[in-house]
PDB file of N, CA and C in Angstrom:
ATOM      1  N   MET A   1     -51.077  94.595 142.669  1.00  0.00           N
ATOM      2  CA  MET A   1     -51.473  95.489 141.513  1.00  0.00           C
ATOM      3  C   MET A   1     -50.463  95.241 140.454  1.00  0.00           C
ATOM      4  N   ALA A   2     -51.025  95.412 139.146  1.00  0.00           N
ATOM      5  CA  ALA A   2     -50.058  95.139 137.948  1.00  0.00           C
ATOM      6  C   ALA A   2     -50.087  96.550 137.214  1.00  0.00           C
ATOM      7  N   VAL A   3     -49.118  96.787 136.275  1.00  0.00           N
ATOM      8  CA  VAL A   3     -49.113  97.823 135.497  1.00  0.00           C
ATOM      9  C   VAL A   3     -48.654  97.290 134.074  1.00  0.00           C
ATOM     10  N   LYS A   4     -49.352  97.812 132.974  1.00  0.00           N
ATOM     11  CA  LYS A   4     -49.069  97.343 131.619  1.00  0.00           C
ATOM     12  C   LYS A   4     -48.512  98.380 130.839  1.00  0.00           C
ATOM     13  N   HIS A   5     -47.407  98.041 130.039  1.00  0.00           N
ATOM     14  CA  HIS A   5     -46.772  98.987 129.063  1.00  0.00           C
ATOM     15  C   HIS A   5     -47.571  98.710 127.833  1.00  0.00           C
ATOM     16  N   ILE A   6     -48.247  99.731 127.531  1.00  0.00           N
ATOM     17  CA  ILE A   6     -49.122  99.696 126.235  1.00  0.00           C
ATOM     18  C   ILE A   6     -48.445  99.251 124.980  1.00  0.00           C
ATOM     19  N   PRO A   7     -47.408  99.997 124.595  1.00  0.00           N
ATOM     20  CA  PRO A   7     -46.634  99.700 123.363  1.00  0.00           C
ATOM     21  C   PRO A   7     -46.234  98.252 123.123  1.00  0.00           C
ATOM     22  N   THR A   8     -45.823  97.695 124.293  1.00  0.00           N
ATOM     23  CA  THR A   8     -45.184  96.281 124.185  1.00  0.00           C
ATOM     24  C   THR A   8     -46.114  95.181 124.660  1.00  0.00           C
ATOM     25  N   GLY A   9     -47.200  95.705 125.462  1.00  0.00           N
ATOM     26  CA  GLY A   9     -48.179  94.741 126.008  1.00  0.00           C
ATOM     27  C   GLY A   9     -47.741  93.938 127.217  1.00  0.00           C
ATOM     28  N   VAL A  10     -46.580  94.229 127.792  1.00  0.00           N
ATOM     29  CA  VAL A  10     -45.976  93.439 128.851  1.00  0.00           C
ATOM     30  C   VAL A  10     -46.493  94.063 130.157  1.00  0.00           C
ATOM     31  N   VAL A  11     -47.006  93.100 130.915  1.00  0.00           N
ATOM     32  CA  VAL A  11     -47.620  93.329 132.178  1.00  0.00           C
ATOM     33  C   VAL A  11     -46.515  93.132 133.450  1.00  0.00           C
ATOM     34  N   HIS A  12     -46.251  94.121 134.227  1.00  0.00           N
ATOM     35  CA  HIS A  12     -45.306  94.017 135.180  1.00  0.00           C
ATOM     36  C   HIS A  12     -46.038  94.269 136.620  1.00  0.00           C
ATOM     37  N   ILE A  13     -45.253  93.741 137.614  1.00  0.00           N
ATOM     38  CA  ILE A  13     -45.628  93.997 139.079  1.00  0.00           C
ATOM     39  C   ILE A  13     -45.422  95.547 139.325  1.00  0.00           C
ATOM     40  N   GLY A  14     -46.246  96.230 139.814  1.00  0.00           N
ATOM     41  CA  GLY A  14     -46.057  97.607 140.339  1.00  0.00           C
ATOM     42  C   GLY A  14     -47.292  98.512 140.099  1.00  0.00           C
ATOM     43  N   ASN A  15     -47.212  99.782 140.193  1.00  0.00           N
ATOM     44  CA  ASN A  15     -48.245 100.699 139.920  1.00  0.00           C
ATOM     45  C   ASN A  15     -47.771 101.877 139.117  1.00  0.00           C
ATOM     46  N   LYS A  16     -48.666 102.553 138.424  1.00  0.00           N
ATOM     47  CA  LYS A  16     -48.429 103.660 137.609  1.00  0.00           C
ATOM     48  C   LYS A  16     -48.083 104.659 138.473  1.00  0.00           C
ATOM     49  N   GLY A  17     -46.957 105.298 138.126  1.00  0.00           N
ATOM     50  CA  GLY A  17     -46.378 106.532 138.965  1.00  0.00           C
ATOM     51  C   GLY A  17     -45.235 106.167 139.993  1.00  0.00           C
ATOM     52  N   GLY A  18     -44.819 104.893 139.809  1.00  0.00           N
ATOM     53  CA  GLY A  18     -43.828 104.429 140.646  1.00  0.00           C
ATOM     54  C   GLY A  18     -42.730 103.533 139.845  1.00  0.00           C
ATOM     55  N   ARG A  19     -42.404 102.502 140.355  1.00  0.00           N
ATOM     56  CA  ARG A  19     -41.466 101.520 139.720  1.00  0.00           C
ATOM     57  C   ARG A  19     -41.965 100.312 139.694  1.00  0.00           C
ATOM     58  N   THR A  20     -41.585  99.489 138.662  1.00  0.00           N
ATOM     59  CA  THR A  20     -42.074  98.094 138.408  1.00  0.00           C
ATOM     60  C   THR A  20     -41.256  97.338 139.393  1.00  0.00           C
ATOM     61  N   GLY A  21     -41.578  95.901 139.423  1.00  0.00           N
ATOM     62  CA  GLY A  21     -40.776  94.904 140.144  1.00  0.00           C
ATOM     63  C   GLY A  21     -39.320  94.787 139.599  1.00  0.00           C
ATOM     64  N   CYS A  22     -39.258  95.084 138.253  1.00  0.00           N
ATOM     65  CA  CYS A  22     -37.938  94.867 137.520  1.00  0.00           C
ATOM     66  C   CYS A  22     -37.381  96.231 137.360  1.00  0.00           C
ATOM     67  N   SER A  23     -37.850  97.274 137.952  1.00  0.00           N
ATOM     68  CA  SER A  23     -37.116  98.692 138.050  1.00  0.00           C
ATOM     69  C   SER A  23     -37.297  99.637 136.978  1.00  0.00           C
ATOM     70  N   TYR A  24     -38.322  99.467 136.196  1.00  0.00           N
ATOM     71  CA  TYR A  24     -38.816 100.347 135.067  1.00  0.00           C
ATOM     72  C   TYR A  24     -39.554 101.453 135.975  1.00  0.00           C
ATOM     73  N   ASP A  25     -39.156 102.731 135.598  1.00  0.00           N
ATOM     74  CA  ASP A  25     -39.894 104.033 136.159  1.00  0.00           C
ATOM     75  C   ASP A  25     -41.088 104.292 135.252  1.00  0.00           C
ATOM     76  N   THR A  26     -42.248 104.164 135.740  1.00  0.00           N
ATOM     77  CA  THR A  26     -43.372 104.388 135.060  1.00  0.00           C
ATOM     78  C   THR A  26     -43.780 105.776 134.973  1.00  0.00           C
ATOM     79  N   ARG A  27     -43.010 106.672 135.507  1.00  0.00           N
ATOM     80  CA  ARG A  27     -43.310 108.040 135.392  1.00  0.00           C
ATOM     81  C   ARG A  27     -42.589 108.652 134.204  1.00  0.00           C
ATOM     82  N   VAL A  28     -41.735 107.928 133.583  1.00  0.00           N
ATOM     83  CA  VAL A  28     -41.032 108.276 132.258  1.00  0.00           C
ATOM     84  C   VAL A  28     -42.068 107.749 131.200  1.00  0.00           C
ATOM     85  N   ASN A  29     -42.566 108.637 130.296  1.00  0.00           N
ATOM     86  CA  ASN A  29     -43.536 108.453 129.352  1.00  0.00           C
ATOM     87  C   ASN A  29     -44.760 107.737 130.060  1.00  0.00           C
ATOM     88  N   ALA A  30     -45.284 108.471 130.910  1.00  0.00           N
ATOM     89  CA  ALA A  30     -46.374 108.065 131.804  1.00  0.00           C
ATOM     90  C   ALA A  30     -47.642 107.593 130.988  1.00  0.00           C
ATOM     91  N   SER A  31     -47.739 108.256 129.771  1.00  0.00           N
ATOM     92  CA  SER A  31     -48.961 107.845 128.972  1.00  0.00           C
ATOM     93  C   SER A  31     -48.893 106.440 128.371  1.00  0.00           C
ATOM     94  N   HIS A  32     -47.561 105.778 128.465  1.00  0.00           N
ATOM     95  CA  HIS A  32     -47.479 104.542 128.025  1.00  0.00           C
ATOM     96  C   HIS A  32     -47.813 103.348 128.910  1.00  0.00           C
ATOM     97  N   TRP A  33     -48.278 103.805 130.165  1.00  0.00           N
ATOM     98  CA  TRP A  33     -48.522 102.878 131.288  1.00  0.00           C
ATOM     99  C   TRP A  33     -50.051 102.875 131.794  1.00  0.00           C
ATOM    100  N   ILE A  34     -50.587 101.862 132.127  1.00  0.00           N
ATOM    101  CA  ILE A  34     -51.793 101.869 132.718  1.00  0.00           C
ATOM    102  C   ILE A  34     -51.889 100.799 133.753  1.00  0.00           C
ATOM    103  N   ASN A  35     -52.572 101.075 134.829  1.00  0.00           N
ATOM    104  CA  ASN A  35     -52.903 100.036 135.923  1.00  0.00           C
ATOM    105  C   ASN A  35     -53.809  99.054 135.265  1.00  0.00           C
ATOM    106  N   THR A  36     -53.610  97.648 135.680  1.00  0.00           N
ATOM    107  CA  THR A  36     -54.442  96.604 135.171  1.00  0.00           C
ATOM    108  C   THR A  36     -54.696  95.392 136.039  1.00  0.00           C
ATOM    109  N   ASN A  37     -55.662  94.692 135.825  1.00  0.00           N
ATOM    110  CA  ASN A  37     -55.786  93.441 136.631  1.00  0.00           C
ATOM    111  C   ASN A  37     -55.262  92.254 135.920  1.00  0.00           C
ATOM    112  N   GLU A  38     -54.714  92.352 134.744  1.00  0.00           N
ATOM    113  CA  GLU A  38     -54.215  91.325 134.067  1.00  0.00           C
ATOM    114  C   GLU A  38     -53.029  90.467 134.649  1.00  0.00           C
ATOM    115  N   ARG A  39     -52.838  89.325 134.166  1.00  0.00           N
ATOM    116  CA  ARG A  39     -51.725  88.440 134.777  1.00  0.00           C
ATOM    117  C   ARG A  39     -50.386  89.055 134.311  1.00  0.00           C
ATOM    118  N   VAL A  40     -49.437  89.084 135.384  1.00  0.00           N
ATOM    119  CA  VAL A  40     -48.195  89.531 135.013  1.00  0.00           C
ATOM    120  C   VAL A  40     -47.521  88.605 134.100  1.00  0.00           C
ATOM    121  N   ASN A  41     -46.786  89.138 132.994  1.00  0.00           N
ATOM    122  CA  ASN A  41     -46.186  88.286 131.928  1.00  0.00           C
ATOM    123  C   ASN A  41     -44.749  88.732 131.659  1.00  0.00           C
ATOM    124  N   CYS A  42     -44.228  89.581 132.576  1.00  0.00           N
ATOM    125  CA  CYS A  42     -42.747  90.008 132.528  1.00  0.00           C
ATOM    126  C   CYS A  42     -42.063  88.842 132.983  1.00  0.00           C
ATOM    127  N   LYS A  43     -40.956  88.535 132.218  1.00  0.00           N
ATOM    128  CA  LYS A  43     -40.077  87.367 132.711  1.00  0.00           C
ATOM    129  C   LYS A  43     -38.814  87.909 133.484  1.00  0.00           C
ATOM    130  N   LYS A  44     -38.638  89.153 133.620  1.00  0.00           N
ATOM    131  CA  LYS A  44     -37.458  89.633 134.307  1.00  0.00           C
ATOM    132  C   LYS A  44     -37.495  89.418 135.920  1.00  0.00           C
ATOM    133  N   ASN A  45     -36.290  89.438 136.514  1.00  0.00           N
ATOM    134  CA  ASN A  45     -36.164  89.306 137.955  1.00  0.00           C
ATOM    135  C   ASN A  45     -36.961  90.390 138.628  1.00  0.00           C
ATOM    136  N   GLY A  46     -37.749  90.052 139.740  1.00  0.00           N
ATOM    137  CA  GLY A  46     -38.513  91.127 140.487  1.00  0.00           C
ATOM    138  C   GLY A  46     -39.927  91.093 139.982  1.00  0.00           C
ATOM    139  N   CYS A  47     -40.159  90.730 138.866  1.00  0.00           N
ATOM    140  CA  CYS A  47     -41.689  90.606 138.345  1.00  0.00           C
ATOM    141  C   CYS A  47     -42.142  88.994 138.254  1.00  0.00           C
ATOM    142  N   ARG A  48     -41.281  88.250 138.000  1.00  0.00           N
ATOM    143  CA  ARG A  48     -41.687  86.934 138.060  1.00  0.00           C
ATOM    144  C   ARG A  48     -41.820  86.077 139.334  1.00  0.00           C
TER     145      ARG A  48
END
């Protein structure tokens, strides 16, 4: 599953309500995150 940060448009590995592959906490500003089926485009370790 992937999760998208709406303000930046970056798609990370992970789920809303947890952590991304590169350690962002999606519970902080939860309204900025949505689950998606888009391709992951984060270049940080853990997501790529």
